[in-house]
Amino acid sequence: MEDMKKGKNKKISVNIVTMVIVMLFFDWVFLNFCFQVRYQIVCFYLFNIQSKLNLNLGLKIKGNLI
């Protein structure tokens, strides 16, 4: 009787562990996807800001040189 209960508990814990691993895996994939998309947006904004700054700096330097 005890052995049967232990076996059942092991099976249930294995199921829970499997479920947690699957959930974590999906969370990780989802987070990675979101992070990549967010990172691309951030990079895009940073690139825009940087190009604007470079333009302004370039114009200032050109103005000083002339």
PDB file of N, CA and C in Angstrom:
ATOM      1  N   MET A   1       0.834  -1.197   0.000  1.00  0.00           N
ATOM      2  CA  MET A   1       0.000   0.000   0.000  1.00  0.00           C
ATOM      3  C   MET A   1       0.879   1.261   0.000  1.00  0.00           C
ATOM      4  N   GLU A   2       1.874   1.289   0.874  1.00  0.00           N
ATOM      5  CA  GLU A   2       2.764   2.456   0.972  1.00  0.00           C
ATOM      6  C   GLU A   2       3.519   2.669  -0.341  1.00  0.00           C
ATOM      7  N   ASP A   3       4.007   1.572  -0.922  1.00  0.00           N
ATOM      8  CA  ASP A   3       4.770   1.664  -2.170  1.00  0.00           C
ATOM      9  C   ASP A   3       3.908   2.269  -3.280  1.00  0.00           C
ATOM     10  N   MET A   4       2.645   1.876  -3.322  1.00  0.00           N
ATOM     11  CA  MET A   4       1.724   2.405  -4.346  1.00  0.00           C
ATOM     12  C   MET A   4       1.587   3.923  -4.181  1.00  0.00           C
ATOM     13  N   LYS A   5       1.423   4.360  -2.941  1.00  0.00           N
ATOM     14  CA  LYS A   5       1.269   5.793  -2.676  1.00  0.00           C
ATOM     15  C   LYS A   5       2.527   6.548  -3.093  1.00  0.00           C
ATOM     16  N   LYS A   6       3.682   6.004  -2.739  1.00  0.00           N
ATOM     17  CA  LYS A   6       4.950   6.651  -3.093  1.00  0.00           C
ATOM     18  C   LYS A   6       5.084   6.778  -4.610  1.00  0.00           C
ATOM     19  N   GLY A   7       4.736   5.719  -5.311  1.00  0.00           N
ATOM     20  CA  GLY A   7       4.813   5.727  -6.767  1.00  0.00           C
ATOM     21  C   GLY A   7       3.914   6.800  -7.352  1.00  0.00           C
ATOM     22  N   LYS A   8       2.687   6.900  -6.797  1.00  0.00           N
ATOM     23  CA  LYS A   8       1.742   7.898  -7.281  1.00  0.00           C
ATOM     24  C   LYS A   8       2.281   9.310  -7.038  1.00  0.00           C
ATOM     25  N   ASN A   9       2.824   9.545  -5.852  1.00  0.00           N
ATOM     26  CA  ASN A   9       3.361  10.866  -5.507  1.00  0.00           C
ATOM     27  C   ASN A   9       4.517  11.234  -6.426  1.00  0.00           C
ATOM     28  N   LYS A  10       5.361  10.256  -6.702  1.00  0.00           N
ATOM     29  CA  LYS A  10       6.489  10.507  -7.611  1.00  0.00           C
ATOM     30  C   LYS A  10       5.967  10.927  -8.983  1.00  0.00           C
ATOM     31  N   LYS A  11       4.966  10.201  -9.475  1.00  0.00           N
ATOM     32  CA  LYS A  11       4.390  10.512 -10.790  1.00  0.00           C
ATOM     33  C   LYS A  11       3.830  11.938 -10.804  1.00  0.00           C
ATOM     34  N   ILE A  12       3.112  12.296  -9.732  1.00  0.00           N
ATOM     35  CA  ILE A  12       2.501  13.627  -9.657  1.00  0.00           C
ATOM     36  C   ILE A  12       3.596  14.691  -9.631  1.00  0.00           C
ATOM     37  N   SER A  13       4.644  14.476  -8.845  1.00  0.00           N
ATOM     38  CA  SER A  13       5.726  15.467  -8.761  1.00  0.00           C
ATOM     39  C   SER A  13       6.448  15.580 -10.105  1.00  0.00           C
ATOM     40  N   VAL A  14       6.612  14.467 -10.785  1.00  0.00           N
ATOM     41  CA  VAL A  14       7.242  14.495 -12.112  1.00  0.00           C
ATOM     42  C   VAL A  14       6.387  15.312 -13.071  1.00  0.00           C
ATOM     43  N   ASN A  15       5.070  15.113 -13.014  1.00  0.00           N
ATOM     44  CA  ASN A  15       4.145  15.888 -13.857  1.00  0.00           C
ATOM     45  C   ASN A  15       4.257  17.369 -13.557  1.00  0.00           C
ATOM     46  N   ILE A  16       4.308  17.716 -12.265  1.00  0.00           N
ATOM     47  CA  ILE A  16       4.409  19.124 -11.872  1.00  0.00           C
ATOM     48  C   ILE A  16       5.724  19.701 -12.380  1.00  0.00           C
ATOM     49  N   VAL A  17       6.812  18.970 -12.189  1.00  0.00           N
ATOM     50  CA  VAL A  17       8.136  19.433 -12.651  1.00  0.00           C
ATOM     51  C   VAL A  17       8.111  19.639 -14.160  1.00  0.00           C
ATOM     52  N   THR A  18       7.539  18.681 -14.881  1.00  0.00           N
ATOM     53  CA  THR A  18       7.449  18.786 -16.345  1.00  0.00           C
ATOM     54  C   THR A  18       6.652  20.013 -16.735  1.00  0.00           C
ATOM     55  N   MET A  19       5.515  20.221 -16.032  1.00  0.00           N
ATOM     56  CA  MET A  19       4.665  21.375 -16.315  1.00  0.00           C
ATOM     57  C   MET A  19       5.434  22.673 -16.089  1.00  0.00           C
ATOM     58  N   VAL A  20       6.157  22.742 -14.963  1.00  0.00           N
ATOM     59  CA  VAL A  20       6.922  23.949 -14.624  1.00  0.00           C
ATOM     60  C   VAL A  20       7.992  24.208 -15.678  1.00  0.00           C
ATOM     61  N   ILE A  21       8.685  23.140 -16.095  1.00  0.00           N
ATOM     62  CA  ILE A  21       9.741  23.284 -17.110  1.00  0.00           C
ATOM     63  C   ILE A  21       9.142  23.790 -18.416  1.00  0.00           C
ATOM     64  N   VAL A  22       8.001  23.208 -18.813  1.00  0.00           N
ATOM     65  CA  VAL A  22       7.337  23.634 -20.051  1.00  0.00           C
ATOM     66  C   VAL A  22       6.912  25.096 -19.951  1.00  0.00           C
ATOM     67  N   MET A  23       6.340  25.465 -18.796  1.00  0.00           N
ATOM     68  CA  MET A  23       5.909  26.848 -18.593  1.00  0.00           C
ATOM     69  C   MET A  23       7.094  27.800 -18.652  1.00  0.00           C
ATOM     70  N   LEU A  24       8.179  27.419 -17.974  1.00  0.00           N
ATOM     71  CA  LEU A  24       9.386  28.261 -17.968  1.00  0.00           C
ATOM     72  C   LEU A  24       9.934  28.391 -19.381  1.00  0.00           C
ATOM     73  N   PHE A  25       9.922  27.277 -20.116  1.00  0.00           N
ATOM     74  CA  PHE A  25      10.432  27.296 -21.486  1.00  0.00           C
ATOM     75  C   PHE A  25       9.614  28.255 -22.349  1.00  0.00           C
ATOM     76  N   PHE A  26       8.270  28.170 -22.225  1.00  0.00           N
ATOM     77  CA  PHE A  26       7.417  29.064 -23.013  1.00  0.00           C
ATOM     78  C   PHE A  26       7.608  30.513 -22.592  1.00  0.00           C
ATOM     79  N   ASP A  27       7.727  30.734 -21.266  1.00  0.00           N
ATOM     80  CA  ASP A  27       7.986  32.084 -20.763  1.00  0.00           C
ATOM     81  C   ASP A  27       9.284  32.612 -21.350  1.00  0.00           C
ATOM     82  N   TRP A  28      10.300  31.756 -21.355  1.00  0.00           N
ATOM     83  CA  TRP A  28      11.619  32.160 -21.850  1.00  0.00           C
ATOM     84  C   TRP A  28      11.544  32.524 -23.331  1.00  0.00           C
ATOM     85  N   VAL A  29      10.864  31.704 -24.117  1.00  0.00           N
ATOM     86  CA  VAL A  29      10.712  31.964 -25.555  1.00  0.00           C
ATOM     87  C   VAL A  29       9.958  33.276 -25.757  1.00  0.00           C
ATOM     88  N   PHE A  30       8.857  33.426 -25.000  1.00  0.00           N
ATOM     89  CA  PHE A  30       8.017  34.624 -25.114  1.00  0.00           C
ATOM     90  C   PHE A  30       8.815  35.860 -24.716  1.00  0.00           C
ATOM     91  N   LEU A  31       9.544  35.756 -23.593  1.00  0.00           N
ATOM     92  CA  LEU A  31      10.357  36.884 -23.113  1.00  0.00           C
ATOM     93  C   LEU A  31      11.441  37.218 -24.125  1.00  0.00           C
ATOM     94  N   ASN A  32      12.087  36.199 -24.664  1.00  0.00           N
ATOM     95  CA  ASN A  32      13.130  36.421 -25.668  1.00  0.00           C
ATOM     96  C   ASN A  32      12.568  37.157 -26.875  1.00  0.00           C
ATOM     97  N   PHE A  33      11.408  36.700 -27.325  1.00  0.00           N
ATOM     98  CA  PHE A  33      10.759  37.327 -28.481  1.00  0.00           C
ATOM     99  C   PHE A  33      10.448  38.790 -28.168  1.00  0.00           C
ATOM    100  N   CYS A  34       9.815  39.007 -27.001  1.00  0.00           N
ATOM    101  CA  CYS A  34       9.449  40.378 -26.611  1.00  0.00           C
ATOM    102  C   CYS A  34      10.700  41.227 -26.473  1.00  0.00           C
ATOM    103  N   PHE A  35      11.725  40.648 -25.847  1.00  0.00           N
ATOM    104  CA  PHE A  35      12.952  41.400 -25.615  1.00  0.00           C
ATOM    105  C   PHE A  35      13.602  41.776 -26.943  1.00  0.00           C
ATOM    106  N   GLN A  36      13.605  40.832 -27.875  1.00  0.00           N
ATOM    107  CA  GLN A  36      14.204  41.116 -29.189  1.00  0.00           C
ATOM    108  C   GLN A  36      13.441  42.226 -29.896  1.00  0.00           C
ATOM    109  N   VAL A  37      12.111  42.156 -29.850  1.00  0.00           N
ATOM    110  CA  VAL A  37      11.294  43.174 -30.505  1.00  0.00           C
ATOM    111  C   VAL A  37      11.535  44.518 -29.833  1.00  0.00           C
ATOM    112  N   ARG A  38      11.512  44.510 -28.476  1.00  0.00           N
ATOM    113  CA  ARG A  38      11.723  45.739 -27.732  1.00  0.00           C
ATOM    114  C   ARG A  38      13.128  46.272 -28.006  1.00  0.00           C
ATOM    115  N   TYR A  39      14.093  45.368 -28.047  1.00  0.00           N
ATOM    116  CA  TYR A  39      15.482  45.755 -28.283  1.00  0.00           C
ATOM    117  C   TYR A  39      15.630  46.390 -29.669  1.00  0.00           C
ATOM    118  N   GLN A  40      14.933  45.820 -30.645  1.00  0.00           N
ATOM    119  CA  GLN A  40      14.989  46.377 -32.006  1.00  0.00           C
ATOM    120  C   GLN A  40      14.411  47.784 -32.012  1.00  0.00           C
ATOM    121  N   ILE A  41      13.291  47.968 -31.283  1.00  0.00           N
ATOM    122  CA  ILE A  41      12.658  49.288 -31.220  1.00  0.00           C
ATOM    123  C   ILE A  41      13.617  50.272 -30.548  1.00  0.00           C
ATOM    124  N   VAL A  42      14.205  49.845 -29.430  1.00  0.00           N
ATOM    125  CA  VAL A  42      15.145  50.706 -28.692  1.00  0.00           C
ATOM    126  C   VAL A  42      16.326  51.061 -29.585  1.00  0.00           C
ATOM    127  N   CYS A  43      16.864  50.076 -30.275  1.00  0.00           N
ATOM    128  CA  CYS A  43      17.995  50.310 -31.188  1.00  0.00           C
ATOM    129  C   CYS A  43      17.595  51.302 -32.274  1.00  0.00           C
ATOM    130  N   PHE A  44      16.389  51.139 -32.781  1.00  0.00           N
ATOM    131  CA  PHE A  44      15.881  52.023 -33.834  1.00  0.00           C
ATOM    132  C   PHE A  44      15.831  53.457 -33.327  1.00  0.00           C
ATOM    133  N   TYR A  45      15.270  53.643 -32.115  1.00  0.00           N
ATOM    134  CA  TYR A  45      15.186  54.987 -31.536  1.00  0.00           C
ATOM    135  C   TYR A  45      16.583  55.547 -31.276  1.00  0.00           C
ATOM    136  N   LEU A  46      17.453  54.719 -30.698  1.00  0.00           N
ATOM    137  CA  LEU A  46      18.820  55.168 -30.396  1.00  0.00           C
ATOM    138  C   LEU A  46      19.530  55.558 -31.686  1.00  0.00           C
ATOM    139  N   PHE A  47      19.338  54.760 -32.714  1.00  0.00           N
ATOM    140  CA  PHE A  47      19.969  55.047 -34.006  1.00  0.00           C
ATOM    141  C   PHE A  47      19.466  56.383 -34.549  1.00  0.00           C
ATOM    142  N   ASN A  48      18.152  56.607 -34.456  1.00  0.00           N
ATOM    143  CA  ASN A  48      17.565  57.875 -34.910  1.00  0.00           C
ATOM    144  C   ASN A  48      18.149  59.046 -34.146  1.00  0.00           C
ATOM    145  N   ILE A  49      18.195  58.916 -32.807  1.00  0.00           N
ATOM    146  CA  ILE A  49      18.729  59.992 -31.963  1.00  0.00           C
ATOM    147  C   ILE A  49      20.190  60.229 -32.313  1.00  0.00           C
ATOM    148  N   GLN A  50      20.933  59.143 -32.451  1.00  0.00           N
ATOM    149  CA  GLN A  50      22.368  59.255 -32.751  1.00  0.00           C
ATOM    150  C   GLN A  50      22.588  59.923 -34.101  1.00  0.00           C
ATOM    151  N   SER A  51      21.803  59.545 -35.100  1.00  0.00           N
ATOM    152  CA  SER A  51      21.978  60.139 -36.432  1.00  0.00           C
ATOM    153  C   SER A  51      21.634  61.627 -36.391  1.00  0.00           C
ATOM    154  N   LYS A  52      20.602  61.995 -35.608  1.00  0.00           N
ATOM    155  CA  LYS A  52      20.254  63.407 -35.467  1.00  0.00           C
ATOM    156  C   LYS A  52      21.377  64.159 -34.770  1.00  0.00           C
ATOM    157  N   LEU A  53      21.919  63.569 -33.705  1.00  0.00           N
ATOM    158  CA  LEU A  53      23.032  64.194 -32.971  1.00  0.00           C
ATOM    159  C   LEU A  53      24.239  64.348 -33.893  1.00  0.00           C
ATOM    160  N   ASN A  54      24.533  63.288 -34.636  1.00  0.00           N
ATOM    161  CA  ASN A  54      25.669  63.334 -35.562  1.00  0.00           C
ATOM    162  C   ASN A  54      25.466  64.423 -36.611  1.00  0.00           C
ATOM    163  N   LEU A  55      24.247  64.553 -37.098  1.00  0.00           N
ATOM    164  CA  LEU A  55      23.934  65.592 -38.081  1.00  0.00           C
ATOM    165  C   LEU A  55      24.197  66.969 -37.481  1.00  0.00           C
ATOM    166  N   ASN A  56      23.672  67.172 -36.273  1.00  0.00           N
ATOM    167  CA  ASN A  56      23.866  68.464 -35.598  1.00  0.00           C
ATOM    168  C   ASN A  56      25.345  68.726 -35.339  1.00  0.00           C
ATOM    169  N   LEU A  57      26.042  67.712 -34.859  1.00  0.00           N
ATOM    170  CA  LEU A  57      27.471  67.853 -34.573  1.00  0.00           C
ATOM    171  C   LEU A  57      28.232  68.146 -35.858  1.00  0.00           C
ATOM    172  N   GLY A  58      27.867  67.398 -36.908  1.00  0.00           N
ATOM    173  CA  GLY A  58      28.518  67.591 -38.208  1.00  0.00           C
ATOM    174  C   GLY A  58      28.322  69.008 -38.709  1.00  0.00           C
ATOM    175  N   LEU A  59      27.103  69.522 -38.599  1.00  0.00           N
ATOM    176  CA  LEU A  59      26.802  70.880 -39.040  1.00  0.00           C
ATOM    177  C   LEU A  59      27.572  71.894 -38.208  1.00  0.00           C
ATOM    178  N   LYS A  60      27.642  71.655 -36.890  1.00  0.00           N
ATOM    179  CA  LYS A  60      28.373  72.567 -36.005  1.00  0.00           C
ATOM    180  C   LYS A  60      29.849  72.596 -36.368  1.00  0.00           C
ATOM    181  N   ILE A  61      30.410  71.400 -36.583  1.00  0.00           N
ATOM    182  CA  ILE A  61      31.837  71.310 -36.918  1.00  0.00           C
ATOM    183  C   ILE A  61      32.086  71.995 -38.266  1.00  0.00           C
ATOM    184  N   LYS A  62      31.207  71.734 -39.230  1.00  0.00           N
ATOM    185  CA  LYS A  62      31.334  72.367 -40.546  1.00  0.00           C
ATOM    186  C   LYS A  62      31.252  73.890 -40.401  1.00  0.00           C
ATOM    187  N   GLY A  63      30.288  74.351 -39.589  1.00  0.00           N
ATOM    188  CA  GLY A  63      30.120  75.786 -39.353  1.00  0.00           C
ATOM    189  C   GLY A  63      31.377  76.390 -38.731  1.00  0.00           C
ATOM    190  N   ASN A  64      32.003  75.675 -37.828  1.00  0.00           N
ATOM    191  CA  ASN A  64      33.210  76.171 -37.163  1.00  0.00           C
ATOM    192  C   ASN A  64      34.395  76.196 -38.121  1.00  0.00           C
ATOM    193  N   LEU A  65      34.439  75.201 -39.004  1.00  0.00           N
ATOM    194  CA  LEU A  65      35.579  75.113 -39.922  1.00  0.00           C
ATOM    195  C   LEU A  65      35.524  76.199 -40.982  1.00  0.00           C
ATOM    196  N   ILE A  66      34.307  76.563 -41.393  1.00  0.00           N
ATOM    197  CA  ILE A  66      34.174  77.527 -42.502  1.00  0.00           C
ATOM    198  C   ILE A  66      34.469  78.944 -42.040  1.00  0.00           C
TER     199      ILE A  66
END
